């Protein structure tokens, strides 16, 4: 698909579960790009990917500082929520 690498996920019985792909921050919808800026104080994006299953698309972004790793999730273009916080 236009040079993009997609990863497909299946259950042990072979049933399709989801597809994921890395994306760039410029591909984020405007509302998510804008709201992400408040989390970017003294941090940087280390990972950003999209997961799509039958009826839902979720975006995950990992933000890091020297001491913390923060993973945010947005479901179907909704606001960012804290998915995981890890102290290094």
N, C-alpha and C. Protein backbone atom coordinates (compact mmCIF):
# COMPACT_ATOMS: atom_id res chain seq x y z
N UNK A 1 0.84 -1.18 0.00
CA UNK A 1 0.00 0.00 0.00
C UNK A 1 0.89 1.25 0.00
N UNK A 2 1.24 1.72 -1.14
CA UNK A 2 2.03 2.95 -1.30
C UNK A 2 3.33 2.94 -0.50
N UNK A 3 4.00 1.80 -0.43
CA UNK A 3 5.26 1.71 0.28
C UNK A 3 5.14 1.63 1.79
N UNK A 4 3.94 1.56 2.31
CA UNK A 4 3.74 1.48 3.76
C UNK A 4 3.86 0.04 4.21
N UNK A 5 4.39 -0.14 5.40
CA UNK A 5 4.49 -1.47 5.99
C UNK A 5 3.35 -1.64 6.97
N UNK A 6 2.54 -2.65 6.74
CA UNK A 6 1.42 -2.97 7.62
C UNK A 6 1.70 -4.28 8.33
N UNK A 7 1.27 -4.39 9.57
CA UNK A 7 1.38 -5.64 10.32
C UNK A 7 -0.03 -6.11 10.63
N UNK A 8 -0.32 -7.36 10.28
CA UNK A 8 -1.64 -7.94 10.56
C UNK A 8 -1.53 -8.87 11.76
N UNK A 9 -2.58 -8.89 12.57
CA UNK A 9 -2.60 -9.72 13.77
C UNK A 9 -3.79 -10.67 13.70
N UNK A 10 -3.52 -11.93 14.06
CA UNK A 10 -4.52 -12.97 14.01
C UNK A 10 -4.56 -13.71 15.34
N UNK A 11 -5.73 -14.26 15.68
CA UNK A 11 -5.84 -15.09 16.88
C UNK A 11 -5.15 -16.43 16.62
N UNK A 12 -5.00 -17.22 17.65
CA UNK A 12 -4.38 -18.54 17.50
C UNK A 12 -5.16 -19.43 16.54
N UNK A 13 -6.46 -19.18 16.43
CA UNK A 13 -7.29 -19.99 15.53
C UNK A 13 -7.29 -19.43 14.10
N UNK A 14 -6.52 -18.36 13.87
CA UNK A 14 -6.41 -17.82 12.52
C UNK A 14 -7.40 -16.73 12.18
N UNK A 15 -8.17 -16.27 13.16
CA UNK A 15 -9.16 -15.22 12.93
C UNK A 15 -8.47 -13.84 12.93
N UNK A 16 -8.80 -13.03 11.95
CA UNK A 16 -8.22 -11.69 11.86
C UNK A 16 -8.60 -10.87 13.08
N UNK A 17 -7.60 -10.13 13.64
CA UNK A 17 -7.84 -9.30 14.81
C UNK A 17 -7.67 -7.81 14.50
N UNK A 18 -6.54 -7.43 13.88
CA UNK A 18 -6.28 -6.01 13.63
C UNK A 18 -5.11 -5.85 12.67
N UNK A 19 -4.96 -4.61 12.19
CA UNK A 19 -3.82 -4.21 11.36
C UNK A 19 -3.21 -2.98 12.01
N UNK A 20 -1.87 -2.91 12.02
CA UNK A 20 -1.22 -1.72 12.57
C UNK A 20 -0.21 -1.18 11.57
N UNK A 21 0.07 0.11 11.70
CA UNK A 21 1.09 0.75 10.87
C UNK A 21 1.64 1.95 11.61
N UNK A 22 2.92 2.20 11.43
CA UNK A 22 3.53 3.41 11.97
C UNK A 22 3.06 4.59 11.14
N UNK A 23 2.88 5.73 11.79
CA UNK A 23 2.50 6.94 11.08
C UNK A 23 3.38 8.09 11.56
N UNK A 24 3.33 9.17 10.83
CA UNK A 24 4.06 10.38 11.18
C UNK A 24 3.12 11.34 11.91
N UNK A 25 3.68 12.21 12.74
CA UNK A 25 2.84 13.17 13.46
C UNK A 25 2.11 14.11 12.49
N UNK A 26 2.63 14.31 11.30
CA UNK A 26 1.93 15.17 10.33
C UNK A 26 0.67 14.50 9.79
N UNK A 27 0.53 13.20 9.98
CA UNK A 27 -0.67 12.48 9.54
C UNK A 27 -1.79 12.51 10.58
N UNK A 28 -1.52 13.04 11.76
CA UNK A 28 -2.56 13.11 12.79
C UNK A 28 -3.65 14.09 12.40
N UNK A 29 -4.90 13.81 12.76
CA UNK A 29 -5.97 14.78 12.56
C UNK A 29 -5.65 16.06 13.34
N UNK A 30 -6.09 17.20 12.86
CA UNK A 30 -5.80 18.49 13.46
C UNK A 30 -6.10 18.59 14.94
N UNK A 31 -7.25 18.06 15.37
CA UNK A 31 -7.60 18.15 16.78
C UNK A 31 -6.64 17.36 17.67
N UNK A 32 -6.16 16.22 17.19
CA UNK A 32 -5.23 15.41 17.98
C UNK A 32 -3.83 16.03 17.98
N UNK A 33 -3.45 16.61 16.86
CA UNK A 33 -2.16 17.28 16.77
C UNK A 33 -2.10 18.44 17.77
N UNK A 34 -3.19 19.21 17.78
CA UNK A 34 -3.26 20.37 18.68
C UNK A 34 -3.24 19.95 20.15
N UNK A 35 -4.05 18.96 20.51
CA UNK A 35 -4.12 18.55 21.91
C UNK A 35 -2.86 17.81 22.36
N UNK A 36 -2.12 17.22 21.43
CA UNK A 36 -0.89 16.53 21.78
C UNK A 36 0.18 17.51 22.25
N UNK A 37 0.12 18.74 21.77
CA UNK A 37 1.14 19.74 22.11
C UNK A 37 1.23 19.98 23.61
N UNK A 38 0.12 19.86 24.35
CA UNK A 38 0.18 20.10 25.80
C UNK A 38 0.96 19.01 26.52
N UNK A 39 1.09 17.83 25.91
CA UNK A 39 1.85 16.74 26.51
C UNK A 39 3.34 16.80 26.13
N UNK A 40 3.67 17.62 25.14
CA UNK A 40 5.03 17.63 24.60
C UNK A 40 6.01 18.52 25.34
N UNK A 41 5.62 19.14 26.42
CA UNK A 41 6.52 19.98 27.19
C UNK A 41 7.69 19.13 27.70
N UNK A 42 8.89 19.46 27.28
CA UNK A 42 10.11 18.75 27.70
C UNK A 42 10.10 17.26 27.35
N UNK A 43 9.34 16.85 26.36
CA UNK A 43 9.34 15.45 25.94
C UNK A 43 9.40 15.37 24.42
N UNK A 44 9.61 14.19 23.92
CA UNK A 44 9.68 13.99 22.48
C UNK A 44 8.93 12.71 22.11
N UNK A 45 8.48 12.65 20.86
CA UNK A 45 7.75 11.49 20.36
C UNK A 45 8.76 10.42 19.95
N UNK A 46 8.61 9.22 20.51
CA UNK A 46 9.50 8.12 20.14
C UNK A 46 8.78 7.03 19.35
N UNK A 47 7.45 7.04 19.36
CA UNK A 47 6.69 6.03 18.61
C UNK A 47 5.29 6.57 18.37
N UNK A 48 4.76 6.32 17.18
CA UNK A 48 3.40 6.74 16.84
C UNK A 48 2.86 5.73 15.85
N UNK A 49 1.77 5.06 16.22
CA UNK A 49 1.20 4.07 15.31
C UNK A 49 -0.32 4.01 15.43
N UNK A 50 -0.91 3.42 14.40
CA UNK A 50 -2.36 3.30 14.27
C UNK A 50 -2.72 1.82 14.27
N UNK A 51 -3.76 1.45 15.00
CA UNK A 51 -4.27 0.08 15.03
C UNK A 51 -5.73 0.12 14.58
N UNK A 52 -6.05 -0.68 13.58
CA UNK A 52 -7.41 -0.72 13.05
C UNK A 52 -7.94 -2.14 13.13
N UNK A 53 -9.14 -2.27 13.71
CA UNK A 53 -9.82 -3.57 13.67
C UNK A 53 -11.14 -3.36 12.95
N UNK A 54 -12.12 -4.16 13.20
CA UNK A 54 -13.35 -4.12 12.42
C UNK A 54 -14.06 -2.77 12.44
N UNK A 55 -14.25 -2.19 13.61
CA UNK A 55 -15.05 -0.97 13.70
C UNK A 55 -14.33 0.19 14.37
N UNK A 56 -13.05 0.04 14.68
CA UNK A 56 -12.39 1.06 15.48
C UNK A 56 -10.96 1.28 15.00
N UNK A 57 -10.55 2.54 15.05
CA UNK A 57 -9.16 2.89 14.79
C UNK A 57 -8.63 3.60 16.03
N UNK A 58 -7.53 3.09 16.55
CA UNK A 58 -6.90 3.69 17.72
C UNK A 58 -5.51 4.16 17.34
N UNK A 59 -5.14 5.30 17.88
CA UNK A 59 -3.80 5.83 17.68
C UNK A 59 -3.07 5.76 19.01
N UNK A 60 -1.80 5.39 18.98
CA UNK A 60 -0.96 5.32 20.16
C UNK A 60 0.28 6.17 19.91
N UNK A 61 0.63 7.00 20.86
CA UNK A 61 1.84 7.80 20.77
C UNK A 61 2.63 7.62 22.06
N UNK A 62 3.93 7.41 21.92
CA UNK A 62 4.81 7.30 23.07
C UNK A 62 5.63 8.58 23.17
N UNK A 63 5.56 9.20 24.33
CA UNK A 63 6.31 10.42 24.61
C UNK A 63 7.32 10.09 25.70
N UNK A 64 8.54 10.58 25.54
CA UNK A 64 9.57 10.30 26.53
C UNK A 64 10.26 11.56 27.01
N UNK A 65 10.65 11.51 28.28
CA UNK A 65 11.56 12.49 28.87
C UNK A 65 12.75 11.68 29.38
N UNK A 66 13.67 12.33 30.03
CA UNK A 66 14.81 11.60 30.58
C UNK A 66 14.38 10.60 31.64
N UNK A 67 13.24 10.87 32.32
CA UNK A 67 12.81 10.04 33.45
C UNK A 67 11.55 9.23 33.23
N UNK A 68 10.75 9.58 32.23
CA UNK A 68 9.41 8.98 32.09
C UNK A 68 9.10 8.62 30.64
N UNK A 69 8.35 7.55 30.49
CA UNK A 69 7.79 7.16 29.20
C UNK A 69 6.27 7.18 29.38
N UNK A 70 5.59 7.93 28.53
CA UNK A 70 4.14 8.08 28.61
C UNK A 70 3.52 7.62 27.29
N UNK A 71 2.58 6.68 27.36
CA UNK A 71 1.88 6.20 26.17
C UNK A 71 0.45 6.74 26.23
N UNK A 72 0.05 7.46 25.17
CA UNK A 72 -1.30 7.99 25.07
C UNK A 72 -2.05 7.23 24.00
N UNK A 73 -3.38 7.15 24.15
CA UNK A 73 -4.22 6.47 23.16
C UNK A 73 -5.40 7.37 22.81
N UNK A 74 -5.77 7.34 21.54
CA UNK A 74 -6.97 8.01 21.07
C UNK A 74 -7.80 7.00 20.29
N UNK A 75 -9.06 6.84 20.67
CA UNK A 75 -9.95 5.91 19.97
C UNK A 75 -10.87 6.69 19.04
N UNK A 76 -10.88 6.30 17.77
CA UNK A 76 -11.75 6.90 16.75
C UNK A 76 -11.67 8.43 16.71
N UNK A 77 -10.46 8.96 16.89
CA UNK A 77 -10.27 10.41 16.79
C UNK A 77 -10.66 11.20 18.02
N UNK A 78 -11.01 10.49 19.11
CA UNK A 78 -11.37 11.17 20.35
C UNK A 78 -10.14 11.71 21.05
N UNK A 79 -10.33 12.30 22.20
CA UNK A 79 -9.21 12.93 22.90
C UNK A 79 -8.19 11.90 23.37
N UNK A 80 -6.97 12.37 23.61
CA UNK A 80 -5.90 11.52 24.11
C UNK A 80 -6.18 11.14 25.57
N UNK A 81 -5.96 9.88 25.89
CA UNK A 81 -6.03 9.42 27.28
C UNK A 81 -4.71 8.74 27.61
N UNK A 82 -4.33 8.75 28.88
CA UNK A 82 -3.11 8.09 29.30
C UNK A 82 -3.37 6.59 29.31
N UNK A 83 -2.63 5.88 28.49
CA UNK A 83 -2.75 4.43 28.36
C UNK A 83 -1.76 3.74 29.31
N UNK A 84 -0.54 4.29 29.41
CA UNK A 84 0.49 3.70 30.25
C UNK A 84 1.51 4.76 30.62
N UNK A 85 2.00 4.69 31.85
CA UNK A 85 3.06 5.60 32.32
C UNK A 85 4.15 4.74 32.96
N UNK A 86 5.39 4.93 32.52
CA UNK A 86 6.51 4.13 33.00
C UNK A 86 7.61 5.06 33.49
N UNK A 87 8.03 4.87 34.73
CA UNK A 87 9.18 5.60 35.25
C UNK A 87 10.42 4.82 34.86
N UNK A 88 11.40 5.52 34.29
CA UNK A 88 12.64 4.84 33.84
C UNK A 88 13.56 4.58 35.02
